[in-house]
Amino acid sequence: MPQQRTLARLDALAWILIYGGLLALVLGIASHDETVVGGWSLSVVGVVAAVAGVVLIVVRARLTPRN
């Protein structure tokens, strides 16, 4: 049973990964014209980060807080 502080950190990390990943995805798509390899790399890293954030939200939903 995790404490409230641990759950709050997990929530923050999940949303940082989601929003940061989506930002990286958009920047990767925007930079495809300048550097194809860099654009694809940034896009893939962004998608992986966003998916990791979604997985953390699922994990957080399954945890029950300790009072």
PDB file of N, CA and C in Angstrom:
ATOM      1  N   MET A   1       0.818  -1.174   0.000  1.00  0.00           N
ATOM      2  CA  MET A   1       0.000   0.000   0.000  1.00  0.00           C
ATOM      3  C   MET A   1       0.872   1.252   0.000  1.00  0.00           C
ATOM      4  N   PRO A   2       0.864   1.993  -1.091  1.00  0.00           N
ATOM      5  CA  PRO A   2       1.679   3.199  -1.174  1.00  0.00           C
ATOM      6  C   PRO A   2       1.078   4.359  -0.384  1.00  0.00           C
ATOM      7  N   GLN A   3       1.932   5.273  -0.002  1.00  0.00           N
ATOM      8  CA  GLN A   3       1.485   6.451   0.716  1.00  0.00           C
ATOM      9  C   GLN A   3       0.966   7.495  -0.265  1.00  0.00           C
ATOM     10  N   GLN A   4       0.264   8.494   0.261  1.00  0.00           N
ATOM     11  CA  GLN A   4      -0.297   9.553  -0.575  1.00  0.00           C
ATOM     12  C   GLN A   4       0.800  10.321  -1.323  1.00  0.00           C
ATOM     13  N   ARG A   5       1.926  10.526  -0.661  1.00  0.00           N
ATOM     14  CA  ARG A   5       3.030  11.266  -1.282  1.00  0.00           C
ATOM     15  C   ARG A   5       3.573  10.518  -2.501  1.00  0.00           C
ATOM     16  N   THR A   6       3.695   9.213  -2.388  1.00  0.00           N
ATOM     17  CA  THR A   6       4.171   8.400  -3.509  1.00  0.00           C
ATOM     18  C   THR A   6       3.184   8.440  -4.668  1.00  0.00           C
ATOM     19  N   LEU A   7       1.900   8.387  -4.364  1.00  0.00           N
ATOM     20  CA  LEU A   7       0.883   8.441  -5.413  1.00  0.00           C
ATOM     21  C   LEU A   7       0.879   9.802  -6.110  1.00  0.00           C
ATOM     22  N   ALA A   8       1.100  10.855  -5.352  1.00  0.00           N
ATOM     23  CA  ALA A   8       1.145  12.194  -5.945  1.00  0.00           C
ATOM     24  C   ALA A   8       2.341  12.322  -6.890  1.00  0.00           C
ATOM     25  N   ARG A   9       3.465  11.773  -6.496  1.00  0.00           N
ATOM     26  CA  ARG A   9       4.646  11.803  -7.378  1.00  0.00           C
ATOM     27  C   ARG A   9       4.413  10.986  -8.637  1.00  0.00           C
ATOM     28  N   LEU A  10       3.742   9.855  -8.494  1.00  0.00           N
ATOM     29  CA  LEU A  10       3.436   9.013  -9.645  1.00  0.00           C
ATOM     30  C   LEU A  10       2.503   9.736 -10.607  1.00  0.00           C
ATOM     31  N   ASP A  11       1.514  10.439 -10.065  1.00  0.00           N
ATOM     32  CA  ASP A  11       0.610  11.234 -10.898  1.00  0.00           C
ATOM     33  C   ASP A  11       1.374  12.309 -11.661  1.00  0.00           C
ATOM     34  N   ALA A  12       2.232  13.020 -10.948  1.00  0.00           N
ATOM     35  CA  ALA A  12       2.996  14.099 -11.588  1.00  0.00           C
ATOM     36  C   ALA A  12       3.896  13.545 -12.691  1.00  0.00           C
ATOM     37  N   LEU A  13       4.572  12.451 -12.416  1.00  0.00           N
ATOM     38  CA  LEU A  13       5.452  11.849 -13.417  1.00  0.00           C
ATOM     39  C   LEU A  13       4.674  11.390 -14.645  1.00  0.00           C
ATOM     40  N   ALA A  14       3.503  10.819 -14.431  1.00  0.00           N
ATOM     41  CA  ALA A  14       2.694  10.345 -15.551  1.00  0.00           C
ATOM     42  C   ALA A  14       2.301  11.499 -16.468  1.00  0.00           C
ATOM     43  N   TRP A  15       1.829  12.602 -15.891  1.00  0.00           N
ATOM     44  CA  TRP A  15       1.396  13.726 -16.717  1.00  0.00           C
ATOM     45  C   TRP A  15       2.567  14.435 -17.373  1.00  0.00           C
ATOM     46  N   ILE A  16       3.712  14.483 -16.699  1.00  0.00           N
ATOM     47  CA  ILE A  16       4.910  15.061 -17.323  1.00  0.00           C
ATOM     48  C   ILE A  16       5.316  14.229 -18.538  1.00  0.00           C
ATOM     49  N   LEU A  17       5.276  12.913 -18.399  1.00  0.00           N
ATOM     50  CA  LEU A  17       5.624  12.046 -19.530  1.00  0.00           C
ATOM     51  C   LEU A  17       4.635  12.204 -20.682  1.00  0.00           C
ATOM     52  N   ILE A  18       3.356  12.306 -20.376  1.00  0.00           N
ATOM     53  CA  ILE A  18       2.353  12.437 -21.436  1.00  0.00           C
ATOM     54  C   ILE A  18       2.528  13.753 -22.184  1.00  0.00           C
ATOM     55  N   TYR A  19       2.555  14.853 -21.453  1.00  0.00           N
ATOM     56  CA  TYR A  19       2.655  16.154 -22.123  1.00  0.00           C
ATOM     57  C   TYR A  19       4.018  16.356 -22.771  1.00  0.00           C
ATOM     58  N   GLY A  20       5.080  15.918 -22.120  1.00  0.00           N
ATOM     59  CA  GLY A  20       6.410  16.017 -22.724  1.00  0.00           C
ATOM     60  C   GLY A  20       6.531  15.161 -23.967  1.00  0.00           C
ATOM     61  N   GLY A  21       5.941  13.968 -23.916  1.00  0.00           N
ATOM     62  CA  GLY A  21       5.968  13.086 -25.079  1.00  0.00           C
ATOM     63  C   GLY A  21       5.193  13.656 -26.255  1.00  0.00           C
ATOM     64  N   LEU A  22       4.038  14.235 -25.969  1.00  0.00           N
ATOM     65  CA  LEU A  22       3.262  14.842 -27.058  1.00  0.00           C
ATOM     66  C   LEU A  22       3.978  16.056 -27.642  1.00  0.00           C
ATOM     67  N   LEU A  23       4.644  16.835 -26.793  1.00  0.00           N
ATOM     68  CA  LEU A  23       5.424  17.966 -27.290  1.00  0.00           C
ATOM     69  C   LEU A  23       6.575  17.483 -28.168  1.00  0.00           C
ATOM     70  N   ALA A  24       7.269  16.448 -27.732  1.00  0.00           N
ATOM     71  CA  ALA A  24       8.363  15.901 -28.531  1.00  0.00           C
ATOM     72  C   ALA A  24       7.849  15.342 -29.851  1.00  0.00           C
ATOM     73  N   LEU A  25       6.686  14.722 -29.834  1.00  0.00           N
ATOM     74  CA  LEU A  25       6.087  14.203 -31.069  1.00  0.00           C
ATOM     75  C   LEU A  25       5.807  15.329 -32.054  1.00  0.00           C
ATOM     76  N   VAL A  26       5.216  16.404 -31.573  1.00  0.00           N
ATOM     77  CA  VAL A  26       4.905  17.532 -32.445  1.00  0.00           C
ATOM     78  C   VAL A  26       6.185  18.172 -32.985  1.00  0.00           C
ATOM     79  N   LEU A  27       7.185  18.331 -32.130  1.00  0.00           N
ATOM     80  CA  LEU A  27       8.452  18.890 -32.596  1.00  0.00           C
ATOM     81  C   LEU A  27       9.127  17.972 -33.608  1.00  0.00           C
ATOM     82  N   GLY A  28       9.007  16.673 -33.404  1.00  0.00           N
ATOM     83  CA  GLY A  28       9.576  15.730 -34.367  1.00  0.00           C
ATOM     84  C   GLY A  28       8.893  15.800 -35.712  1.00  0.00           C
ATOM     85  N   ILE A  29       7.570  15.916 -35.684  1.00  0.00           N
ATOM     86  CA  ILE A  29       6.828  16.032 -36.945  1.00  0.00           C
ATOM     87  C   ILE A  29       7.189  17.339 -37.646  1.00  0.00           C
ATOM     88  N   ALA A  30       7.330  18.406 -36.876  1.00  0.00           N
ATOM     89  CA  ALA A  30       7.646  19.713 -37.468  1.00  0.00           C
ATOM     90  C   ALA A  30       9.053  19.749 -38.045  1.00  0.00           C
ATOM     91  N   SER A  31       9.958  18.943 -37.519  1.00  0.00           N
ATOM     92  CA  SER A  31      11.347  19.002 -37.987  1.00  0.00           C
ATOM     93  C   SER A  31      11.670  17.948 -39.040  1.00  0.00           C
ATOM     94  N   HIS A  32      10.687  17.252 -39.556  1.00  0.00           N
ATOM     95  CA  HIS A  32      10.936  16.233 -40.584  1.00  0.00           C
ATOM     96  C   HIS A  32      11.506  16.842 -41.858  1.00  0.00           C
ATOM     97  N   ASP A  33      11.168  18.093 -42.164  1.00  0.00           N
ATOM     98  CA  ASP A  33      11.677  18.713 -43.387  1.00  0.00           C
ATOM     99  C   ASP A  33      13.165  19.035 -43.288  1.00  0.00           C
ATOM    100  N   GLU A  34      13.613  19.409 -42.105  1.00  0.00           N
ATOM    101  CA  GLU A  34      15.012  19.798 -41.933  1.00  0.00           C
ATOM    102  C   GLU A  34      15.932  18.582 -41.825  1.00  0.00           C
ATOM    103  N   THR A  35      15.574  17.655 -40.969  1.00  0.00           N
ATOM    104  CA  THR A  35      16.389  16.451 -40.779  1.00  0.00           C
ATOM    105  C   THR A  35      15.454  15.261 -40.581  1.00  0.00           C
ATOM    106  N   VAL A  36      15.460  14.383 -41.531  1.00  0.00           N
ATOM    107  CA  VAL A  36      14.519  13.258 -41.518  1.00  0.00           C
ATOM    108  C   VAL A  36      14.802  12.319 -40.347  1.00  0.00           C
ATOM    109  N   VAL A  37      16.060  11.951 -40.157  1.00  0.00           N
ATOM    110  CA  VAL A  37      16.405  11.021 -39.080  1.00  0.00           C
ATOM    111  C   VAL A  37      16.123  11.649 -37.716  1.00  0.00           C
ATOM    112  N   GLY A  38      16.475  12.913 -37.552  1.00  0.00           N
ATOM    113  CA  GLY A  38      16.219  13.603 -36.284  1.00  0.00           C
ATOM    114  C   GLY A  38      14.739  13.734 -36.002  1.00  0.00           C
ATOM    115  N   GLY A  39      13.973  14.040 -37.023  1.00  0.00           N
ATOM    116  CA  GLY A  39      12.526  14.167 -36.856  1.00  0.00           C
ATOM    117  C   GLY A  39      11.881  12.858 -36.446  1.00  0.00           C
ATOM    118  N   TRP A  40      12.258  11.779 -37.121  1.00  0.00           N
ATOM    119  CA  TRP A  40      11.702  10.472 -36.779  1.00  0.00           C
ATOM    120  C   TRP A  40      12.133  10.039 -35.383  1.00  0.00           C
ATOM    121  N   SER A  41      13.395  10.301 -35.061  1.00  0.00           N
ATOM    122  CA  SER A  41      13.884   9.917 -33.740  1.00  0.00           C
ATOM    123  C   SER A  41      13.127  10.651 -32.639  1.00  0.00           C
ATOM    124  N   LEU A  42      12.946  11.945 -32.821  1.00  0.00           N
ATOM    125  CA  LEU A  42      12.217  12.732 -31.826  1.00  0.00           C
ATOM    126  C   LEU A  42      10.762  12.287 -31.748  1.00  0.00           C
ATOM    127  N   SER A  43      10.173  11.950 -32.871  1.00  0.00           N
ATOM    128  CA  SER A  43       8.789  11.472 -32.877  1.00  0.00           C
ATOM    129  C   SER A  43       8.657  10.152 -32.126  1.00  0.00           C
ATOM    130  N   VAL A  44       9.580   9.239 -32.355  1.00  0.00           N
ATOM    131  CA  VAL A  44       9.528   7.933 -31.684  1.00  0.00           C
ATOM    132  C   VAL A  44       9.728   8.091 -30.188  1.00  0.00           C
ATOM    133  N   VAL A  45      10.682   8.925 -29.789  1.00  0.00           N
ATOM    134  CA  VAL A  45      10.906   9.163 -28.354  1.00  0.00           C
ATOM    135  C   VAL A  45       9.658   9.775 -27.728  1.00  0.00           C
ATOM    136  N   GLY A  46       9.014  10.689 -28.429  1.00  0.00           N
ATOM    137  CA  GLY A  46       7.795  11.303 -27.911  1.00  0.00           C
ATOM    138  C   GLY A  46       6.666  10.310 -27.729  1.00  0.00           C
ATOM    139  N   VAL A  47       6.490   9.434 -28.697  1.00  0.00           N
ATOM    140  CA  VAL A  47       5.432   8.420 -28.591  1.00  0.00           C
ATOM    141  C   VAL A  47       5.716   7.459 -27.437  1.00  0.00           C
ATOM    142  N   VAL A  48       6.968   7.053 -27.294  1.00  0.00           N
ATOM    143  CA  VAL A  48       7.328   6.139 -26.206  1.00  0.00           C
ATOM    144  C   VAL A  48       7.077   6.798 -24.854  1.00  0.00           C
ATOM    145  N   ALA A  49       7.425   8.065 -24.716  1.00  0.00           N
ATOM    146  CA  ALA A  49       7.202   8.771 -23.455  1.00  0.00           C
ATOM    147  C   ALA A  49       5.711   8.912 -23.156  1.00  0.00           C
ATOM    148  N   ALA A  50       4.918   9.241 -24.159  1.00  0.00           N
ATOM    149  CA  ALA A  50       3.478   9.386 -23.950  1.00  0.00           C
ATOM    150  C   ALA A  50       2.836   8.054 -23.569  1.00  0.00           C
ATOM    151  N   VAL A  51       3.251   6.984 -24.209  1.00  0.00           N
ATOM    152  CA  VAL A  51       2.717   5.657 -23.873  1.00  0.00           C
ATOM    153  C   VAL A  51       3.128   5.259 -22.455  1.00  0.00           C
ATOM    154  N   ALA A  52       4.359   5.586 -22.075  1.00  0.00           N
ATOM    155  CA  ALA A  52       4.807   5.294 -20.702  1.00  0.00           C
ATOM    156  C   ALA A  52       3.962   6.059 -19.694  1.00  0.00           C
ATOM    157  N   GLY A  53       3.597   7.289 -20.011  1.00  0.00           N
ATOM    158  CA  GLY A  53       2.730   8.059 -19.124  1.00  0.00           C
ATOM    159  C   GLY A  53       1.350   7.440 -18.988  1.00  0.00           C
ATOM    160  N   VAL A  54       0.807   6.948 -20.078  1.00  0.00           N
ATOM    161  CA  VAL A  54      -0.502   6.293 -20.022  1.00  0.00           C
ATOM    162  C   VAL A  54      -0.423   5.010 -19.195  1.00  0.00           C
ATOM    163  N   VAL A  55       0.658   4.269 -19.358  1.00  0.00           N
ATOM    164  CA  VAL A  55       0.842   3.055 -18.554  1.00  0.00           C
ATOM    165  C   VAL A  55       0.925   3.402 -17.068  1.00  0.00           C
ATOM    166  N   LEU A  56       1.608   4.486 -16.737  1.00  0.00           N
ATOM    167  CA  LEU A  56       1.685   4.899 -15.334  1.00  0.00           C
ATOM    168  C   LEU A  56       0.312   5.284 -14.786  1.00  0.00           C
ATOM    169  N   ILE A  57      -0.533   5.867 -15.607  1.00  0.00           N
ATOM    170  CA  ILE A  57      -1.886   6.194 -15.147  1.00  0.00           C
ATOM    171  C   ILE A  57      -2.667   4.918 -14.864  1.00  0.00           C
ATOM    172  N   VAL A  58      -2.501   3.912 -15.707  1.00  0.00           N
ATOM    173  CA  VAL A  58      -3.183   2.628 -15.470  1.00  0.00           C
ATOM    174  C   VAL A  58      -2.671   1.980 -14.190  1.00  0.00           C
ATOM    175  N   VAL A  59      -1.364   2.021 -13.991  1.00  0.00           N
ATOM    176  CA  VAL A  59      -0.786   1.466 -12.771  1.00  0.00           C
ATOM    177  C   VAL A  59      -1.291   2.224 -11.554  1.00  0.00           C
ATOM    178  N   ARG A  60      -1.344   3.533 -11.647  1.00  0.00           N
ATOM    179  CA  ARG A  60      -1.812   4.362 -10.528  1.00  0.00           C
ATOM    180  C   ARG A  60      -3.272   4.064 -10.206  1.00  0.00           C
ATOM    181  N   ALA A  61      -4.072   3.798 -11.205  1.00  0.00           N
ATOM    182  CA  ALA A  61      -5.489   3.508 -10.984  1.00  0.00           C
ATOM    183  C   ALA A  61      -5.678   2.184 -10.243  1.00  0.00           C
ATOM    184  N   ARG A  62      -4.746   1.269 -10.385  1.00  0.00           N
ATOM    185  CA  ARG A  62      -4.864  -0.030  -9.734  1.00  0.00           C
ATOM    186  C   ARG A  62      -4.360  -0.023  -8.298  1.00  0.00           C
ATOM    187  N   LEU A  63      -3.611   1.006  -7.921  1.00  0.00           N
ATOM    188  CA  LEU A  63      -3.082   1.099  -6.553  1.00  0.00           C
ATOM    189  C   LEU A  63      -4.131   1.701  -5.630  1.00  0.00           C
ATOM    190  N   THR A  64      -4.159   1.195  -4.415  1.00  0.00           N
ATOM    191  CA  THR A  64      -5.076   1.757  -3.413  1.00  0.00           C
ATOM    192  C   THR A  64      -4.248   2.520  -2.383  1.00  0.00           C
ATOM    193  N   PRO A  65      -4.684   3.711  -2.029  1.00  0.00           N
ATOM    194  CA  PRO A  65      -3.900   4.513  -1.087  1.00  0.00           C
ATOM    195  C   PRO A  65      -4.005   3.987   0.334  1.00  0.00           C
ATOM    196  N   ARG A  66      -2.928   4.236   1.065  1.00  0.00           N
ATOM    197  CA  ARG A  66      -2.905   3.888   2.473  1.00  0.00           C
ATOM    198  C   ARG A  66      -3.333   5.123   3.264  1.00  0.00           C
ATOM    199  N   ASN A  67      -4.196   4.956   4.220  1.00  0.00           N
ATOM    200  CA  ASN A  67      -4.667   6.090   5.030  1.00  0.00           C
ATOM    201  C   ASN A  67      -3.752   6.393   6.169  1.00  0.00           C
TER     202      ASN A  67
END
